[in-house]
Amino acid sequence: MRVLNVHERRLAAAPAAVGALLDGLGSRHDRLWPRDRWPAMRLDRPLQVGAAGGHGPIRYRVERYEPGRLVEFRFLGPSGFRGSHRFEIGGEADGTTRLAHVVEMTAAGWAVLGWALALRPLHDALLEDCLDSAEERLLGRRPPRRWTAWVRALRFLSGPGRSRRRAGTRQND
């Protein structure tokens, strides 16, 4: 099964400011990844080509990195995922900056079912939370969002310790 999954947000911020968030991915000072609600992204070294790591059951290696502009990860797991996912930043003609996450992969075997039933809904919720984090860090506002009942059920079934905020809602802190 071929998968193309895109999440994007246009932010009223300079590309350099959005790029600074991107450059912190996987670090102790990561301000983009919503690790208050999801398993943290961890890398075996600072963000650079060859760094390996992942989040939850997803494993990957940095294949391309252009500081402040792009980071592309090649999937290493789970079994059946072949392809990559990337964050990319681009300035727009209207003065906003586009922050996007793109998954391009094929899923084979059991990964087809895993993606369709569980990983895609969880991935979609995580990426929207990630883009919300960028908006909050850069613009001081966090869009209201509630996870779907299916995402809440999947997170409940995944066991304790996956999130500090189990209810799937958040308040503007």
N, C-alpha and C. Protein backbone atom coordinates (compact mmCIF):
# COMPACT_ATOMS: atom_id res chain seq x y z
N MET A 1 0.85 -1.17 0.00
CA MET A 1 0.00 0.00 0.00
C MET A 1 0.90 1.24 0.00
N ARG A 2 0.62 2.12 -0.93
CA ARG A 2 1.38 3.38 -1.01
C ARG A 2 0.74 4.40 -0.06
N VAL A 3 1.59 5.12 0.68
CA VAL A 3 1.12 6.10 1.65
C VAL A 3 1.76 7.45 1.36
N LEU A 4 0.93 8.46 1.23
CA LEU A 4 1.37 9.85 1.20
C LEU A 4 0.52 10.57 2.24
N ASN A 5 1.15 11.05 3.29
CA ASN A 5 0.44 11.68 4.40
C ASN A 5 1.11 13.03 4.66
N VAL A 6 0.34 14.11 4.55
CA VAL A 6 0.90 15.46 4.67
C VAL A 6 0.15 16.24 5.74
N HIS A 7 0.90 16.86 6.63
CA HIS A 7 0.37 17.80 7.62
C HIS A 7 1.15 19.08 7.46
N GLU A 8 0.46 20.21 7.41
CA GLU A 8 1.18 21.47 7.26
C GLU A 8 0.46 22.58 7.99
N ARG A 9 1.25 23.59 8.31
CA ARG A 9 0.70 24.77 8.97
C ARG A 9 1.45 25.97 8.41
N ARG A 10 0.71 27.04 8.14
CA ARG A 10 1.32 28.31 7.76
C ARG A 10 1.36 29.18 9.01
N LEU A 11 2.55 29.64 9.32
CA LEU A 11 2.78 30.38 10.56
C LEU A 11 3.22 31.81 10.25
N ALA A 12 2.69 32.76 10.98
CA ALA A 12 3.08 34.16 10.83
C ALA A 12 4.37 34.38 11.61
N ALA A 13 5.44 33.76 11.11
CA ALA A 13 6.76 33.83 11.74
C ALA A 13 7.82 33.73 10.64
N ALA A 14 8.98 34.23 10.93
CA ALA A 14 10.08 34.19 9.97
C ALA A 14 10.58 32.75 9.79
N PRO A 15 11.01 32.39 8.58
CA PRO A 15 11.55 31.05 8.36
C PRO A 15 12.67 30.70 9.34
N ALA A 16 13.50 31.65 9.71
CA ALA A 16 14.60 31.38 10.65
C ALA A 16 14.07 30.96 12.02
N ALA A 17 12.98 31.56 12.47
CA ALA A 17 12.40 31.21 13.77
C ALA A 17 11.82 29.80 13.73
N VAL A 18 11.14 29.47 12.64
CA VAL A 18 10.58 28.12 12.49
C VAL A 18 11.73 27.13 12.35
N GLY A 19 12.75 27.50 11.61
CA GLY A 19 13.93 26.65 11.43
C GLY A 19 14.63 26.34 12.74
N ALA A 20 14.66 27.31 13.65
CA ALA A 20 15.29 27.07 14.96
C ALA A 20 14.54 25.98 15.73
N LEU A 21 13.21 25.94 15.59
CA LEU A 21 12.46 24.85 16.22
C LEU A 21 12.86 23.51 15.60
N LEU A 22 12.93 23.47 14.28
CA LEU A 22 13.30 22.25 13.58
C LEU A 22 14.67 21.75 14.02
N ASP A 23 15.62 22.66 14.15
CA ASP A 23 16.99 22.28 14.47
C ASP A 23 17.14 21.69 15.87
N GLY A 24 16.15 21.86 16.72
CA GLY A 24 16.21 21.28 18.06
C GLY A 24 15.61 19.89 18.16
N LEU A 25 15.07 19.36 17.06
CA LEU A 25 14.42 18.05 17.10
C LEU A 25 15.31 16.99 17.74
N GLY A 26 14.71 16.22 18.62
CA GLY A 26 15.42 15.10 19.22
C GLY A 26 16.40 15.47 20.31
N SER A 27 16.54 16.75 20.61
CA SER A 27 17.49 17.19 21.64
C SER A 27 16.78 17.34 22.98
N ARG A 28 17.55 17.56 24.03
CA ARG A 28 16.96 17.81 25.35
C ARG A 28 16.16 19.11 25.36
N HIS A 29 16.46 19.99 24.44
CA HIS A 29 15.80 21.30 24.39
C HIS A 29 14.80 21.38 23.23
N ASP A 30 14.31 20.23 22.79
CA ASP A 30 13.35 20.17 21.69
C ASP A 30 12.08 20.92 22.05
N ARG A 31 11.75 21.96 21.27
CA ARG A 31 10.55 22.76 21.53
C ARG A 31 9.48 22.53 20.48
N LEU A 32 9.74 21.66 19.52
CA LEU A 32 8.77 21.37 18.46
C LEU A 32 7.98 20.10 18.76
N TRP A 33 8.65 19.04 19.14
CA TRP A 33 8.00 17.75 19.37
C TRP A 33 7.14 17.83 20.63
N PRO A 34 5.89 17.39 20.58
CA PRO A 34 4.98 17.49 21.75
C PRO A 34 5.21 16.38 22.77
N ARG A 35 6.40 16.35 23.35
CA ARG A 35 6.76 15.26 24.25
C ARG A 35 6.02 15.30 25.58
N ASP A 36 5.26 16.37 25.82
CA ASP A 36 4.42 16.38 27.02
C ASP A 36 3.21 15.47 26.85
N ARG A 37 2.92 15.07 25.60
CA ARG A 37 1.74 14.25 25.32
C ARG A 37 2.06 12.95 24.60
N TRP A 38 3.26 12.84 24.04
CA TRP A 38 3.63 11.70 23.21
C TRP A 38 5.03 11.22 23.59
N PRO A 39 5.37 9.98 23.23
CA PRO A 39 6.74 9.53 23.46
C PRO A 39 7.73 10.49 22.78
N ALA A 40 8.77 10.84 23.50
CA ALA A 40 9.75 11.79 22.98
C ALA A 40 10.47 11.22 21.77
N MET A 41 10.84 12.12 20.85
CA MET A 41 11.75 11.74 19.77
C MET A 41 13.14 11.71 20.38
N ARG A 42 13.82 10.62 20.19
CA ARG A 42 15.18 10.48 20.71
C ARG A 42 16.12 10.07 19.58
N LEU A 43 17.27 10.71 19.56
CA LEU A 43 18.31 10.39 18.58
C LEU A 43 19.57 10.00 19.32
N ASP A 44 20.41 9.18 18.71
CA ASP A 44 21.62 8.71 19.37
C ASP A 44 22.75 9.74 19.38
N ARG A 45 22.53 10.85 18.71
CA ARG A 45 23.49 11.96 18.68
C ARG A 45 22.75 13.20 18.21
N PRO A 46 23.40 14.35 18.22
CA PRO A 46 22.70 15.56 17.75
C PRO A 46 22.18 15.37 16.33
N LEU A 47 21.17 16.15 15.99
CA LEU A 47 20.54 16.09 14.67
C LEU A 47 21.58 16.30 13.58
N GLN A 48 21.80 15.25 12.80
CA GLN A 48 22.78 15.27 11.71
C GLN A 48 22.55 14.02 10.86
N VAL A 49 23.06 14.03 9.65
CA VAL A 49 22.95 12.85 8.79
C VAL A 49 23.60 11.67 9.52
N GLY A 50 22.89 10.56 9.55
CA GLY A 50 23.37 9.35 10.20
C GLY A 50 22.85 9.14 11.61
N ALA A 51 22.34 10.20 12.25
CA ALA A 51 21.77 10.04 13.59
C ALA A 51 20.59 9.08 13.50
N ALA A 52 20.51 8.16 14.46
CA ALA A 52 19.43 7.16 14.46
C ALA A 52 18.64 7.27 15.74
N GLY A 53 17.38 6.91 15.66
CA GLY A 53 16.54 6.93 16.84
C GLY A 53 15.11 6.67 16.47
N GLY A 54 14.20 7.37 17.15
CA GLY A 54 12.79 7.20 16.86
C GLY A 54 11.93 7.72 17.98
N HIS A 55 10.68 7.32 17.93
CA HIS A 55 9.70 7.64 18.97
C HIS A 55 8.72 6.48 19.03
N GLY A 56 8.38 6.06 20.26
CA GLY A 56 7.51 4.91 20.39
C GLY A 56 8.09 3.74 19.60
N PRO A 57 7.25 3.01 18.84
CA PRO A 57 7.74 1.86 18.09
C PRO A 57 8.35 2.22 16.73
N ILE A 58 8.35 3.50 16.37
CA ILE A 58 8.84 3.93 15.06
C ILE A 58 10.34 4.21 15.14
N ARG A 59 11.11 3.61 14.23
CA ARG A 59 12.56 3.76 14.20
C ARG A 59 12.96 4.36 12.87
N TYR A 60 14.00 5.21 12.90
CA TYR A 60 14.45 5.87 11.68
C TYR A 60 15.87 6.39 11.84
N ARG A 61 16.44 6.79 10.69
CA ARG A 61 17.78 7.38 10.64
C ARG A 61 17.69 8.66 9.80
N VAL A 62 18.43 9.68 10.22
CA VAL A 62 18.45 10.93 9.45
C VAL A 62 19.19 10.68 8.14
N GLU A 63 18.49 10.93 7.05
CA GLU A 63 19.06 10.72 5.72
C GLU A 63 19.53 12.02 5.08
N ARG A 64 18.78 13.10 5.32
CA ARG A 64 19.14 14.42 4.81
C ARG A 64 18.87 15.43 5.90
N TYR A 65 19.75 16.42 5.97
CA TYR A 65 19.54 17.50 6.93
C TYR A 65 20.11 18.78 6.36
N GLU A 66 19.23 19.77 6.22
CA GLU A 66 19.62 21.11 5.83
C GLU A 66 19.19 22.02 6.97
N PRO A 67 20.12 22.43 7.84
CA PRO A 67 19.75 23.20 9.02
C PRO A 67 18.79 24.34 8.71
N GLY A 68 17.75 24.41 9.55
CA GLY A 68 16.76 25.47 9.41
C GLY A 68 15.78 25.30 8.26
N ARG A 69 15.92 24.20 7.49
CA ARG A 69 15.08 24.04 6.30
C ARG A 69 14.43 22.66 6.15
N LEU A 70 15.19 21.60 6.43
CA LEU A 70 14.69 20.27 6.12
C LEU A 70 15.40 19.21 6.94
N VAL A 71 14.65 18.24 7.41
CA VAL A 71 15.25 17.02 7.95
C VAL A 71 14.41 15.86 7.44
N GLU A 72 15.08 14.88 6.85
CA GLU A 72 14.41 13.70 6.31
C GLU A 72 14.94 12.46 7.00
N PHE A 73 14.00 11.62 7.42
CA PHE A 73 14.31 10.39 8.13
C PHE A 73 13.93 9.19 7.26
N ARG A 74 14.78 8.18 7.21
CA ARG A 74 14.49 6.91 6.52
C ARG A 74 13.99 5.92 7.57
N PHE A 75 12.84 5.29 7.32
CA PHE A 75 12.28 4.33 8.26
C PHE A 75 13.19 3.11 8.40
N LEU A 76 13.40 2.69 9.64
CA LEU A 76 14.09 1.45 9.95
C LEU A 76 13.11 0.43 10.54
N GLY A 77 12.01 0.90 11.05
CA GLY A 77 11.00 0.02 11.65
C GLY A 77 9.77 0.83 11.95
N PRO A 78 8.66 0.21 12.08
CA PRO A 78 8.46 -1.23 12.19
C PRO A 78 8.61 -1.95 10.85
N SER A 79 8.69 -3.26 10.94
CA SER A 79 8.80 -4.10 9.76
C SER A 79 7.63 -3.79 8.82
N GLY A 80 7.93 -3.70 7.55
CA GLY A 80 6.89 -3.42 6.56
C GLY A 80 6.78 -1.96 6.16
N PHE A 81 7.46 -1.06 6.87
CA PHE A 81 7.49 0.36 6.49
C PHE A 81 8.73 0.57 5.63
N ARG A 82 8.53 1.01 4.39
CA ARG A 82 9.65 1.31 3.50
C ARG A 82 9.44 2.71 2.95
N GLY A 83 10.33 3.61 3.31
CA GLY A 83 10.20 4.97 2.83
C GLY A 83 10.75 5.95 3.84
N SER A 84 10.18 7.15 3.82
CA SER A 84 10.74 8.20 4.67
C SER A 84 9.65 9.14 5.17
N HIS A 85 10.05 9.95 6.13
CA HIS A 85 9.21 11.06 6.57
C HIS A 85 10.12 12.25 6.79
N ARG A 86 9.56 13.44 6.59
CA ARG A 86 10.40 14.63 6.66
C ARG A 86 9.61 15.82 7.19
N PHE A 87 10.36 16.73 7.78
CA PHE A 87 9.87 18.06 8.11
C PHE A 87 10.52 19.00 7.12
N GLU A 88 9.75 19.93 6.58
CA GLU A 88 10.31 20.92 5.66
C GLU A 88 9.72 22.29 5.95
N ILE A 89 10.52 23.30 5.70
CA ILE A 89 10.14 24.68 5.98
C ILE A 89 10.34 25.48 4.71
N GLY A 90 9.36 26.36 4.43
CA GLY A 90 9.49 27.23 3.27
C GLY A 90 8.78 28.55 3.49
N GLY A 91 9.42 29.61 3.05
CA GLY A 91 8.79 30.92 3.10
C GLY A 91 7.74 31.03 2.01
N GLU A 92 6.64 31.70 2.31
CA GLU A 92 5.55 31.86 1.36
C GLU A 92 5.47 33.31 0.89
N ALA A 93 4.86 33.53 -0.26
CA ALA A 93 4.75 34.87 -0.84
C ALA A 93 3.97 35.83 0.05
N ASP A 94 3.07 35.31 0.88
CA ASP A 94 2.27 36.18 1.75
C ASP A 94 2.99 36.54 3.05
N GLY A 95 4.25 36.14 3.19
CA GLY A 95 5.03 36.47 4.38
C GLY A 95 4.94 35.44 5.48
N THR A 96 4.12 34.40 5.31
CA THR A 96 4.07 33.34 6.30
C THR A 96 5.14 32.31 6.01
N THR A 97 5.32 31.40 6.94
CA THR A 97 6.26 30.30 6.76
C THR A 97 5.49 29.00 6.84
N ARG A 98 5.71 28.14 5.89
CA ARG A 98 5.05 26.83 5.84
C ARG A 98 5.92 25.81 6.55
N LEU A 99 5.35 25.16 7.56
CA LEU A 99 6.00 24.04 8.24
C LEU A 99 5.19 22.81 7.88
N ALA A 100 5.84 21.84 7.28
CA ALA A 100 5.13 20.64 6.83
C ALA A 100 5.85 19.38 7.30
N HIS A 101 5.06 18.34 7.49
CA HIS A 101 5.57 17.00 7.74
C HIS A 101 4.96 16.10 6.67
N VAL A 102 5.81 15.33 5.99
CA VAL A 102 5.36 14.49 4.89
C VAL A 102 5.87 13.07 5.09
N VAL A 103 4.97 12.11 5.03
CA VAL A 103 5.33 10.69 5.02
C VAL A 103 5.13 10.20 3.60
N GLU A 104 6.16 9.60 3.04
CA GLU A 104 6.08 8.92 1.75
C GLU A 104 6.66 7.54 1.95
N MET A 105 5.79 6.53 1.87
CA MET A 105 6.25 5.18 2.13
C MET A 105 5.33 4.18 1.46
N THR A 106 5.78 2.95 1.46
CA THR A 106 4.91 1.83 1.16
C THR A 106 4.83 1.00 2.44
N ALA A 107 3.66 0.47 2.68
CA ALA A 107 3.46 -0.43 3.81
C ALA A 107 3.18 -1.80 3.22
N ALA A 108 3.80 -2.82 3.79
CA ALA A 108 3.64 -4.19 3.28
C ALA A 108 3.33 -5.13 4.43
N GLY A 109 2.65 -6.21 4.12
CA GLY A 109 2.35 -7.23 5.12
C GLY A 109 1.45 -6.67 6.22
N TRP A 110 1.79 -7.04 7.46
CA TRP A 110 1.01 -6.60 8.61
C TRP A 110 1.05 -5.09 8.80
N ALA A 111 2.06 -4.43 8.25
CA ALA A 111 2.15 -2.98 8.39
C ALA A 111 0.99 -2.26 7.72
N VAL A 112 0.39 -2.86 6.70
CA VAL A 112 -0.78 -2.26 6.04
C VAL A 112 -1.91 -2.13 7.05
N LEU A 113 -2.20 -3.21 7.75
CA LEU A 113 -3.26 -3.20 8.75
C LEU A 113 -2.89 -2.29 9.93
N GLY A 114 -1.64 -2.38 10.39
CA GLY A 114 -1.19 -1.55 11.51
C GLY A 114 -1.30 -0.07 11.20
N TRP A 115 -0.90 0.31 9.99
CA TRP A 115 -0.99 1.72 9.59
C TRP A 115 -2.45 2.16 9.55
N ALA A 116 -3.29 1.38 8.89
CA ALA A 116 -4.68 1.78 8.69
C ALA A 116 -5.46 1.86 10.00
N LEU A 117 -5.26 0.91 10.88
CA LEU A 117 -6.08 0.85 12.09
C LEU A 117 -5.54 1.66 13.26
N ALA A 118 -4.24 1.72 13.41
CA ALA A 118 -3.69 2.34 14.62
C ALA A 118 -2.66 3.43 14.34
N LEU A 119 -1.66 3.11 13.55
CA LEU A 119 -0.55 4.06 13.42
C LEU A 119 -0.94 5.35 12.71
N ARG A 120 -1.77 5.26 11.67
CA ARG A 120 -2.16 6.50 10.99
C ARG A 120 -2.96 7.43 11.89
N PRO A 121 -4.00 6.95 12.60
CA PRO A 121 -4.72 7.88 13.48
C PRO A 121 -3.83 8.46 14.57
N LEU A 122 -2.93 7.64 15.13
CA LEU A 122 -2.02 8.15 16.16
C LEU A 122 -1.04 9.15 15.55
N HIS A 123 -0.51 8.82 14.38
CA HIS A 123 0.41 9.71 13.69
C HIS A 123 -0.25 11.06 13.38
N ASP A 124 -1.48 11.01 12.87
CA ASP A 124 -2.18 12.25 12.53
C ASP A 124 -2.37 13.13 13.77
N ALA A 125 -2.76 12.53 14.89
CA ALA A 125 -2.95 13.29 16.12
C ALA A 125 -1.62 13.87 16.61
N LEU A 126 -0.57 13.06 16.57
CA LEU A 126 0.75 13.53 17.01
C LEU A 126 1.23 14.70 16.16
N LEU A 127 1.08 14.59 14.84
CA LEU A 127 1.57 15.67 13.97
C LEU A 127 0.78 16.95 14.14
N GLU A 128 -0.52 16.85 14.34
CA GLU A 128 -1.29 18.07 14.61
C GLU A 128 -0.86 18.69 15.94
N ASP A 129 -0.58 17.85 16.94
CA ASP A 129 -0.06 18.37 18.21
C ASP A 129 1.31 19.02 18.00
N CYS A 130 2.13 18.45 17.13
CA CYS A 130 3.45 19.01 16.83
C CYS A 130 3.31 20.39 16.19
N LEU A 131 2.43 20.51 15.22
CA LEU A 131 2.21 21.81 14.58
C LEU A 131 1.60 22.81 15.55
N ASP A 132 0.75 22.32 16.45
CA ASP A 132 0.22 23.19 17.50
C ASP A 132 1.34 23.70 18.40
N SER A 133 2.32 22.83 18.70
CA SER A 133 3.46 23.24 19.51
C SER A 133 4.23 24.37 18.84
N ALA A 134 4.43 24.24 17.53
CA ALA A 134 5.12 25.30 16.79
C ALA A 134 4.35 26.60 16.88
N GLU A 135 3.04 26.53 16.70
CA GLU A 135 2.21 27.73 16.77
C GLU A 135 2.29 28.36 18.16
N GLU A 136 2.24 27.52 19.18
CA GLU A 136 2.31 28.05 20.55
C GLU A 136 3.66 28.70 20.82
N ARG A 137 4.74 28.04 20.44
CA ARG A 137 6.09 28.57 20.70
C ARG A 137 6.34 29.87 19.95
N LEU A 138 5.86 29.93 18.73
CA LEU A 138 6.17 31.10 17.89
C LEU A 138 5.16 32.23 18.00
N LEU A 139 3.90 31.88 18.24
CA LEU A 139 2.85 32.90 18.18
C LEU A 139 2.14 33.10 19.52
N GLY A 140 2.48 32.26 20.50
CA GLY A 140 1.89 32.42 21.82
C GLY A 140 0.45 31.95 21.94
N ARG A 141 -0.02 31.20 20.96
CA ARG A 141 -1.38 30.67 21.06
C ARG A 141 -1.37 29.20 20.67
N ARG A 142 -2.23 28.46 21.31
CA ARG A 142 -2.35 27.03 21.03
C ARG A 142 -3.77 26.76 20.58
N PRO A 143 -3.95 26.30 19.37
CA PRO A 143 -5.30 26.03 18.89
C PRO A 143 -5.98 24.97 19.76
N PRO A 144 -7.27 25.12 20.03
CA PRO A 144 -7.96 24.08 20.80
C PRO A 144 -8.07 22.82 19.95
N ARG A 145 -7.81 21.69 20.56
CA ARG A 145 -7.87 20.44 19.82
C ARG A 145 -8.27 19.33 20.78
N ARG A 146 -9.04 18.42 20.29
CA ARG A 146 -9.41 17.25 21.07
C ARG A 146 -9.14 16.03 20.21
N TRP A 147 -8.47 15.04 20.79
CA TRP A 147 -8.23 13.80 20.06
C TRP A 147 -9.56 13.11 19.80
N THR A 148 -9.62 12.34 18.74
CA THR A 148 -10.81 11.55 18.46
C THR A 148 -10.96 10.45 19.51
N ALA A 149 -12.17 9.91 19.59
CA ALA A 149 -12.41 8.80 20.52
C ALA A 149 -11.51 7.62 20.18
N TRP A 150 -11.27 7.38 18.90
CA TRP A 150 -10.41 6.26 18.50
C TRP A 150 -8.97 6.48 18.96
N VAL A 151 -8.45 7.68 18.82
CA VAL A 151 -7.09 7.97 19.29
C VAL A 151 -7.02 7.82 20.81
N ARG A 152 -8.02 8.32 21.52
CA ARG A 152 -8.02 8.16 22.98
C ARG A 152 -8.06 6.69 23.36
N ALA A 153 -8.84 5.89 22.65
CA ALA A 153 -8.92 4.45 22.93
C ALA A 153 -7.58 3.77 22.65
N LEU A 154 -6.96 4.09 21.53
CA LEU A 154 -5.66 3.50 21.19
C LEU A 154 -4.61 3.86 22.24
N ARG A 155 -4.61 5.10 22.69
CA ARG A 155 -3.65 5.51 23.71
C ARG A 155 -3.93 4.81 25.03
N PHE A 156 -5.18 4.63 25.38
CA PHE A 156 -5.53 3.91 26.60
C PHE A 156 -5.04 2.47 26.50
N LEU A 157 -5.26 1.83 25.35
CA LEU A 157 -4.85 0.44 25.16
C LEU A 157 -3.34 0.26 25.11
N SER A 158 -2.63 1.33 24.77
CA SER A 158 -1.17 1.23 24.69
C SER A 158 -0.52 1.18 26.07
N GLY A 159 -1.29 1.44 27.11
CA GLY A 159 -0.78 1.28 28.47
C GLY A 159 -0.39 2.57 29.13
N PRO A 160 -0.10 2.48 30.43
CA PRO A 160 0.25 3.67 31.21
C PRO A 160 1.61 4.24 30.81
N GLY A 161 1.79 5.50 31.16
CA GLY A 161 3.09 6.14 30.95
C GLY A 161 3.29 6.72 29.58
N ARG A 162 2.29 6.61 28.69
CA ARG A 162 2.45 7.15 27.34
C ARG A 162 2.25 8.65 27.29
N SER A 163 1.51 9.17 28.25
CA SER A 163 1.22 10.59 28.23
C SER A 163 0.95 11.07 29.63
N ARG A 164 1.36 12.28 29.90
CA ARG A 164 1.02 12.88 31.19
C ARG A 164 -0.40 13.39 31.21
N ARG A 165 -0.96 13.64 30.04
CA ARG A 165 -2.34 14.14 29.94
C ARG A 165 -3.16 13.07 29.21
N ARG A 166 -3.78 12.21 29.96
CA ARG A 166 -4.48 11.07 29.40
C ARG A 166 -5.82 11.41 28.77
N ALA A 167 -6.42 12.51 29.15
CA ALA A 167 -7.79 12.78 28.73
C ALA A 167 -7.89 13.17 27.26
N GLY A 168 -6.79 13.59 26.63
CA GLY A 168 -6.86 13.97 25.24
C GLY A 168 -7.32 15.40 25.02
N THR A 169 -7.41 16.16 26.06
CA THR A 169 -7.72 17.58 25.91
C THR A 169 -6.59 18.34 26.56
N ARG A 170 -6.52 19.58 26.27
CA ARG A 170 -5.50 20.40 26.93
C ARG A 170 -6.04 21.79 27.14
N GLN A 171 -5.54 22.37 28.15
CA GLN A 171 -5.93 23.73 28.43
C GLN A 171 -4.81 24.64 27.95
N ASN A 172 -5.15 25.88 27.66
CA ASN A 172 -4.11 26.84 27.32
C ASN A 172 -3.39 27.21 28.62
N ASP A 173 -2.19 26.71 28.74
CA ASP A 173 -1.41 26.92 29.98
C ASP A 173 -0.94 28.35 30.09
